[in-house]
């Protein structure tokens, strides 16, 4: 009998071939599932990051709206707009100066009447 046809050759070759096939299948399956997991986590991570920044911008804008409401409710500025008096004008300018110093997001601040005229 030839060596290729003997059982001592066929059995190890068959077992080695099956082991190589199983390793190849396990390697392909692990690459597929890891790629799927990484792709999913990238999408989820990007979505979470975008939502986090959206919440941050929303909170900054909400804070600025609340600050502008408090600016608009200043008694000195409101009294100046009602009476156009120099005393209230000085007090209103002091209030505006304090508003700018307290809020680092404010670059320019103006007071306007209902017609849009800036004082």
N, C-alpha and C. Protein backbone atom coordinates (compact mmCIF):
# COMPACT_ATOMS: atom_id res chain seq x y z
N UNK A 1 0.82 -1.18 0.00
CA UNK A 1 0.00 0.00 0.00
C UNK A 1 0.87 1.25 0.00
N UNK A 2 0.37 2.19 -0.66
CA UNK A 2 1.11 3.44 -0.72
C UNK A 2 0.89 4.23 0.56
N UNK A 3 1.78 5.12 0.81
CA UNK A 3 1.71 5.91 2.04
C UNK A 3 0.50 6.84 2.03
N UNK A 4 0.11 7.40 0.88
CA UNK A 4 -1.02 8.33 0.79
C UNK A 4 -2.33 7.61 1.08
N UNK A 5 -2.44 6.38 0.76
CA UNK A 5 -3.67 5.63 0.96
C UNK A 5 -3.74 4.98 2.33
N UNK A 6 -2.72 5.09 3.10
CA UNK A 6 -2.74 4.44 4.42
C UNK A 6 -3.53 5.27 5.41
N UNK A 7 -4.06 4.56 6.39
CA UNK A 7 -4.86 5.21 7.43
C UNK A 7 -3.99 6.12 8.31
N UNK A 8 -2.74 5.81 8.47
CA UNK A 8 -1.85 6.64 9.28
C UNK A 8 -1.57 7.99 8.62
N UNK A 9 -1.81 8.10 7.33
CA UNK A 9 -1.67 9.38 6.63
C UNK A 9 -3.01 10.09 6.51
N UNK A 10 -4.07 9.35 6.17
CA UNK A 10 -5.38 9.95 5.93
C UNK A 10 -5.97 10.56 7.20
N UNK A 11 -5.85 9.88 8.32
CA UNK A 11 -6.46 10.36 9.56
C UNK A 11 -5.85 11.69 10.02
N UNK A 12 -4.55 11.85 10.13
CA UNK A 12 -4.00 13.15 10.52
C UNK A 12 -4.28 14.26 9.50
N UNK A 13 -4.27 13.93 8.22
CA UNK A 13 -4.55 14.94 7.20
C UNK A 13 -6.01 15.38 7.30
N UNK A 14 -6.92 14.44 7.48
CA UNK A 14 -8.34 14.77 7.60
C UNK A 14 -8.58 15.60 8.85
N UNK A 15 -8.00 15.22 9.95
CA UNK A 15 -8.16 15.97 11.20
C UNK A 15 -7.56 17.37 11.06
N UNK A 16 -6.40 17.46 10.44
CA UNK A 16 -5.77 18.77 10.24
C UNK A 16 -6.61 19.64 9.32
N UNK A 17 -7.17 19.06 8.24
CA UNK A 17 -8.02 19.80 7.32
C UNK A 17 -9.28 20.29 8.03
N UNK A 18 -9.91 19.44 8.84
CA UNK A 18 -11.11 19.84 9.58
C UNK A 18 -10.78 20.93 10.60
N UNK A 19 -9.62 20.82 11.25
CA UNK A 19 -9.21 21.84 12.22
C UNK A 19 -8.98 23.18 11.52
N UNK A 20 -8.37 23.14 10.34
CA UNK A 20 -8.14 24.37 9.58
C UNK A 20 -9.47 24.98 9.15
N UNK A 21 -10.42 24.16 8.71
CA UNK A 21 -11.74 24.65 8.34
C UNK A 21 -12.45 25.27 9.55
N UNK A 22 -12.39 24.61 10.69
CA UNK A 22 -13.05 25.13 11.90
C UNK A 22 -12.39 26.44 12.34
N UNK A 23 -11.07 26.49 12.30
CA UNK A 23 -10.39 27.73 12.66
C UNK A 23 -10.74 28.85 11.68
N UNK A 24 -10.81 28.54 10.41
CA UNK A 24 -11.20 29.54 9.42
C UNK A 24 -12.62 30.02 9.66
N UNK A 25 -13.54 29.09 9.95
CA UNK A 25 -14.92 29.49 10.24
C UNK A 25 -14.99 30.34 11.50
N UNK A 26 -14.28 29.94 12.56
CA UNK A 26 -14.28 30.72 13.80
C UNK A 26 -13.65 32.10 13.59
N UNK A 27 -12.61 32.16 12.80
CA UNK A 27 -11.97 33.44 12.51
C UNK A 27 -12.92 34.35 11.73
N UNK A 28 -13.59 33.80 10.72
CA UNK A 28 -14.53 34.60 9.92
C UNK A 28 -15.70 35.06 10.78
N UNK A 29 -16.22 34.19 11.63
CA UNK A 29 -17.35 34.55 12.49
C UNK A 29 -16.94 35.61 13.51
N UNK A 30 -15.75 35.47 14.09
CA UNK A 30 -15.31 36.46 15.07
C UNK A 30 -15.05 37.82 14.41
N UNK A 31 -14.50 37.82 13.22
CA UNK A 31 -14.29 39.09 12.51
C UNK A 31 -15.62 39.73 12.16
N UNK A 32 -16.59 38.93 11.70
CA UNK A 32 -17.90 39.46 11.33
C UNK A 32 -18.60 40.08 12.54
N UNK A 33 -18.64 39.34 13.65
CA UNK A 33 -19.37 39.85 14.81
C UNK A 33 -18.64 41.02 15.49
N UNK A 34 -17.31 40.99 15.49
CA UNK A 34 -16.59 42.13 16.07
C UNK A 34 -16.76 43.37 15.20
N UNK A 35 -16.76 43.21 13.89
CA UNK A 35 -16.99 44.34 12.98
C UNK A 35 -18.40 44.89 13.18
N UNK A 36 -19.35 44.00 13.33
CA UNK A 36 -20.73 44.43 13.56
C UNK A 36 -20.84 45.19 14.88
N UNK A 37 -20.20 44.68 15.93
CA UNK A 37 -20.24 45.35 17.24
C UNK A 37 -19.54 46.69 17.23
N UNK A 38 -18.39 46.76 16.56
CA UNK A 38 -17.65 48.02 16.50
C UNK A 38 -18.44 49.06 15.71
N UNK A 39 -19.04 48.64 14.60
CA UNK A 39 -19.85 49.56 13.79
C UNK A 39 -21.04 50.08 14.59
N UNK A 40 -21.67 49.20 15.33
CA UNK A 40 -22.82 49.61 16.15
C UNK A 40 -22.38 50.56 17.26
N UNK A 41 -21.25 50.28 17.89
CA UNK A 41 -20.79 51.15 18.98
C UNK A 41 -20.33 52.51 18.45
N UNK A 42 -19.81 52.55 17.24
CA UNK A 42 -19.43 53.83 16.64
C UNK A 42 -20.67 54.68 16.41
N UNK A 43 -21.71 54.08 15.86
CA UNK A 43 -22.95 54.82 15.63
C UNK A 43 -23.57 55.30 16.93
N UNK A 44 -23.60 54.43 17.93
CA UNK A 44 -24.16 54.80 19.22
C UNK A 44 -23.32 55.88 19.90
N UNK A 45 -22.01 55.74 19.81
CA UNK A 45 -21.12 56.75 20.41
C UNK A 45 -21.29 58.10 19.76
N UNK A 46 -21.38 58.12 18.44
CA UNK A 46 -21.58 59.39 17.74
C UNK A 46 -22.92 60.01 18.11
N UNK A 47 -23.95 59.17 18.19
CA UNK A 47 -25.28 59.68 18.55
C UNK A 47 -25.26 60.24 19.98
N UNK A 48 -24.62 59.54 20.91
CA UNK A 48 -24.54 60.03 22.29
C UNK A 48 -23.76 61.34 22.37
N UNK A 49 -22.69 61.44 21.60
CA UNK A 49 -21.91 62.68 21.59
C UNK A 49 -22.72 63.84 21.04
N UNK A 50 -23.43 63.59 19.95
CA UNK A 50 -24.26 64.64 19.35
C UNK A 50 -25.38 65.06 20.31
N UNK A 51 -26.00 64.09 20.99
CA UNK A 51 -27.05 64.43 21.95
C UNK A 51 -26.48 65.20 23.14
N UNK A 52 -25.28 64.83 23.57
CA UNK A 52 -24.65 65.56 24.67
C UNK A 52 -24.37 67.01 24.32
N UNK A 53 -23.83 67.25 23.13
CA UNK A 53 -23.59 68.62 22.70
C UNK A 53 -24.90 69.38 22.49
N UNK A 54 -25.92 68.69 21.99
CA UNK A 54 -27.22 69.36 21.82
C UNK A 54 -27.78 69.78 23.17
N UNK A 55 -27.65 68.91 24.17
CA UNK A 55 -28.12 69.28 25.51
C UNK A 55 -27.30 70.42 26.09
N UNK A 56 -26.01 70.42 25.83
CA UNK A 56 -25.15 71.51 26.31
C UNK A 56 -25.57 72.83 25.69
N UNK A 57 -25.76 72.85 24.37
CA UNK A 57 -26.17 74.09 23.70
C UNK A 57 -27.56 74.52 24.16
N UNK A 58 -28.46 73.56 24.37
CA UNK A 58 -29.79 73.91 24.87
C UNK A 58 -29.71 74.55 26.24
N UNK A 59 -28.87 74.00 27.11
CA UNK A 59 -28.77 74.57 28.45
C UNK A 59 -28.12 75.95 28.42
N UNK A 60 -27.13 76.15 27.54
CA UNK A 60 -26.52 77.48 27.42
C UNK A 60 -27.54 78.49 26.90
N UNK A 61 -28.30 78.08 25.87
CA UNK A 61 -29.31 78.99 25.32
C UNK A 61 -30.42 79.27 26.34
N UNK A 62 -30.84 78.24 27.08
CA UNK A 62 -31.86 78.46 28.11
C UNK A 62 -31.35 79.41 29.18
N UNK A 63 -30.08 79.26 29.56
CA UNK A 63 -29.51 80.17 30.55
C UNK A 63 -29.47 81.60 30.02
N UNK A 64 -29.13 81.74 28.74
CA UNK A 64 -29.09 83.08 28.16
C UNK A 64 -30.48 83.70 28.05
N UNK A 65 -31.48 82.87 27.77
CA UNK A 65 -32.85 83.39 27.74
C UNK A 65 -33.27 83.84 29.12
N UNK A 66 -32.93 83.04 30.14
CA UNK A 66 -33.28 83.44 31.51
C UNK A 66 -32.55 84.72 31.91
N UNK A 67 -31.29 84.86 31.49
CA UNK A 67 -30.53 86.07 31.80
C UNK A 67 -31.14 87.27 31.09
N UNK A 68 -31.53 87.10 29.83
CA UNK A 68 -32.13 88.23 29.11
C UNK A 68 -33.48 88.62 29.70
N UNK A 69 -34.21 87.65 30.22
CA UNK A 69 -35.48 87.97 30.89
C UNK A 69 -35.20 88.76 32.17
N UNK A 70 -34.16 88.37 32.88
CA UNK A 70 -33.82 89.13 34.10
C UNK A 70 -33.32 90.53 33.76
N UNK A 71 -32.60 90.66 32.62
CA UNK A 71 -32.17 91.99 32.19
C UNK A 71 -33.39 92.86 31.87
N UNK A 72 -34.33 92.28 31.18
CA UNK A 72 -35.51 93.03 30.78
C UNK A 72 -36.38 93.41 31.96
N UNK A 73 -36.25 92.69 33.06
CA UNK A 73 -37.07 93.00 34.22
C UNK A 73 -36.36 93.94 35.21
N UNK A 74 -35.23 94.50 34.81
CA UNK A 74 -34.52 95.45 35.66
C UNK A 74 -35.36 96.71 35.85
N UNK A 75 -35.56 97.10 37.08
CA UNK A 75 -36.43 98.24 37.38
C UNK A 75 -35.86 99.55 36.84
N UNK A 76 -34.55 99.75 36.94
CA UNK A 76 -33.95 101.00 36.47
C UNK A 76 -34.09 101.15 34.96
N UNK A 77 -33.85 100.08 34.23
CA UNK A 77 -33.97 100.16 32.77
C UNK A 77 -35.44 100.34 32.39
N UNK A 78 -36.32 99.63 33.05
CA UNK A 78 -37.75 99.77 32.75
C UNK A 78 -38.23 101.19 33.05
N UNK A 79 -37.80 101.75 34.19
CA UNK A 79 -38.19 103.12 34.54
C UNK A 79 -37.62 104.14 33.56
N UNK A 80 -36.40 103.89 33.08
CA UNK A 80 -35.82 104.79 32.08
C UNK A 80 -36.64 104.75 30.79
N UNK A 81 -37.04 103.58 30.38
CA UNK A 81 -37.82 103.47 29.15
C UNK A 81 -39.19 104.11 29.30
N UNK A 82 -39.73 104.07 30.52
CA UNK A 82 -41.06 104.66 30.73
C UNK A 82 -40.97 106.18 30.81
N UNK A 83 -40.00 106.69 31.60
CA UNK A 83 -39.98 108.13 31.86
C UNK A 83 -38.90 108.89 31.09
N UNK A 84 -37.89 108.20 30.54
CA UNK A 84 -36.79 108.82 29.81
C UNK A 84 -36.10 109.89 30.66
N UNK A 85 -35.82 109.53 31.91
CA UNK A 85 -35.22 110.43 32.89
C UNK A 85 -33.71 110.18 32.94
N UNK A 86 -32.91 111.24 33.17
CA UNK A 86 -31.45 111.10 33.22
C UNK A 86 -30.99 110.29 34.43
N UNK A 87 -31.69 110.39 35.55
CA UNK A 87 -31.32 109.62 36.75
C UNK A 87 -31.47 108.13 36.47
N UNK A 88 -32.59 107.74 35.89
CA UNK A 88 -32.80 106.34 35.56
C UNK A 88 -31.85 105.88 34.45
N UNK A 89 -31.47 106.81 33.58
CA UNK A 89 -30.51 106.48 32.53
C UNK A 89 -29.16 106.10 33.14
N UNK A 90 -28.68 106.90 34.11
CA UNK A 90 -27.41 106.59 34.78
C UNK A 90 -27.50 105.26 35.51
N UNK A 91 -28.60 105.06 36.25
CA UNK A 91 -28.77 103.80 36.99
C UNK A 91 -28.89 102.61 36.03
N UNK A 92 -29.58 102.83 34.92
CA UNK A 92 -29.71 101.77 33.92
C UNK A 92 -28.38 101.41 33.29
N UNK A 93 -27.54 102.42 33.03
CA UNK A 93 -26.20 102.15 32.48
C UNK A 93 -25.33 101.40 33.48
N UNK A 94 -25.48 101.72 34.76
CA UNK A 94 -24.76 100.97 35.80
C UNK A 94 -25.22 99.52 35.81
N UNK A 95 -26.55 99.33 35.70
CA UNK A 95 -27.08 97.96 35.65
C UNK A 95 -26.56 97.20 34.43
N UNK A 96 -26.53 97.87 33.28
CA UNK A 96 -26.02 97.21 32.07
C UNK A 96 -24.55 96.85 32.22
N UNK A 97 -23.78 97.72 32.84
CA UNK A 97 -22.37 97.43 33.08
C UNK A 97 -22.22 96.21 33.98
N UNK A 98 -23.03 96.13 35.01
CA UNK A 98 -22.99 94.96 35.89
C UNK A 98 -23.42 93.69 35.15
N UNK A 99 -24.41 93.80 34.29
CA UNK A 99 -24.85 92.64 33.52
C UNK A 99 -23.72 92.10 32.65
N UNK A 100 -22.99 93.01 32.00
CA UNK A 100 -21.89 92.59 31.13
C UNK A 100 -20.76 91.96 31.94
N UNK A 101 -20.46 92.52 33.11
CA UNK A 101 -19.39 91.98 33.94
C UNK A 101 -19.74 90.61 34.51
N UNK A 102 -21.02 90.38 34.81
CA UNK A 102 -21.43 89.10 35.41
C UNK A 102 -21.59 87.98 34.40
N UNK A 103 -21.81 88.32 33.15
CA UNK A 103 -22.08 87.30 32.14
C UNK A 103 -20.95 87.29 31.11
N UNK A 104 -20.10 86.25 31.11
CA UNK A 104 -18.98 86.23 30.16
C UNK A 104 -19.40 86.00 28.72
N UNK A 105 -20.64 85.58 28.48
CA UNK A 105 -21.09 85.33 27.12
C UNK A 105 -21.53 86.60 26.40
N UNK A 106 -21.76 87.66 27.14
CA UNK A 106 -22.24 88.90 26.54
C UNK A 106 -21.06 89.67 25.96
N UNK A 107 -21.16 89.99 24.68
CA UNK A 107 -20.15 90.82 24.04
C UNK A 107 -20.64 92.25 23.90
N UNK A 108 -21.89 92.40 23.48
CA UNK A 108 -22.51 93.72 23.32
C UNK A 108 -23.92 93.62 23.88
N UNK A 109 -24.36 94.71 24.47
CA UNK A 109 -25.72 94.75 24.99
C UNK A 109 -26.31 96.12 24.67
N UNK A 110 -27.54 96.12 24.24
CA UNK A 110 -28.22 97.35 23.85
C UNK A 110 -29.60 97.37 24.48
N UNK A 111 -30.10 98.58 24.66
CA UNK A 111 -31.48 98.77 25.11
C UNK A 111 -32.21 99.45 23.97
N UNK A 112 -33.33 98.86 23.57
CA UNK A 112 -34.11 99.45 22.48
C UNK A 112 -35.55 99.61 22.92
N UNK A 113 -36.22 100.56 22.29
CA UNK A 113 -37.64 100.74 22.58
C UNK A 113 -38.46 99.82 21.71
N UNK A 114 -39.77 99.96 21.79
CA UNK A 114 -40.64 99.06 21.04
C UNK A 114 -40.57 99.30 19.53
N UNK A 115 -40.04 100.44 19.12
CA UNK A 115 -39.88 100.73 17.70
C UNK A 115 -38.53 100.26 17.16
N UNK A 116 -37.67 99.77 18.04
CA UNK A 116 -36.36 99.28 17.61
C UNK A 116 -35.28 100.34 17.68
N UNK A 117 -35.56 101.50 18.24
CA UNK A 117 -34.54 102.53 18.38
C UNK A 117 -33.64 102.19 19.56
N UNK A 118 -32.32 102.23 19.31
CA UNK A 118 -31.35 101.89 20.36
C UNK A 118 -31.01 103.14 21.13
N UNK A 119 -31.08 103.02 22.47
CA UNK A 119 -30.72 104.14 23.34
C UNK A 119 -29.28 104.11 23.69
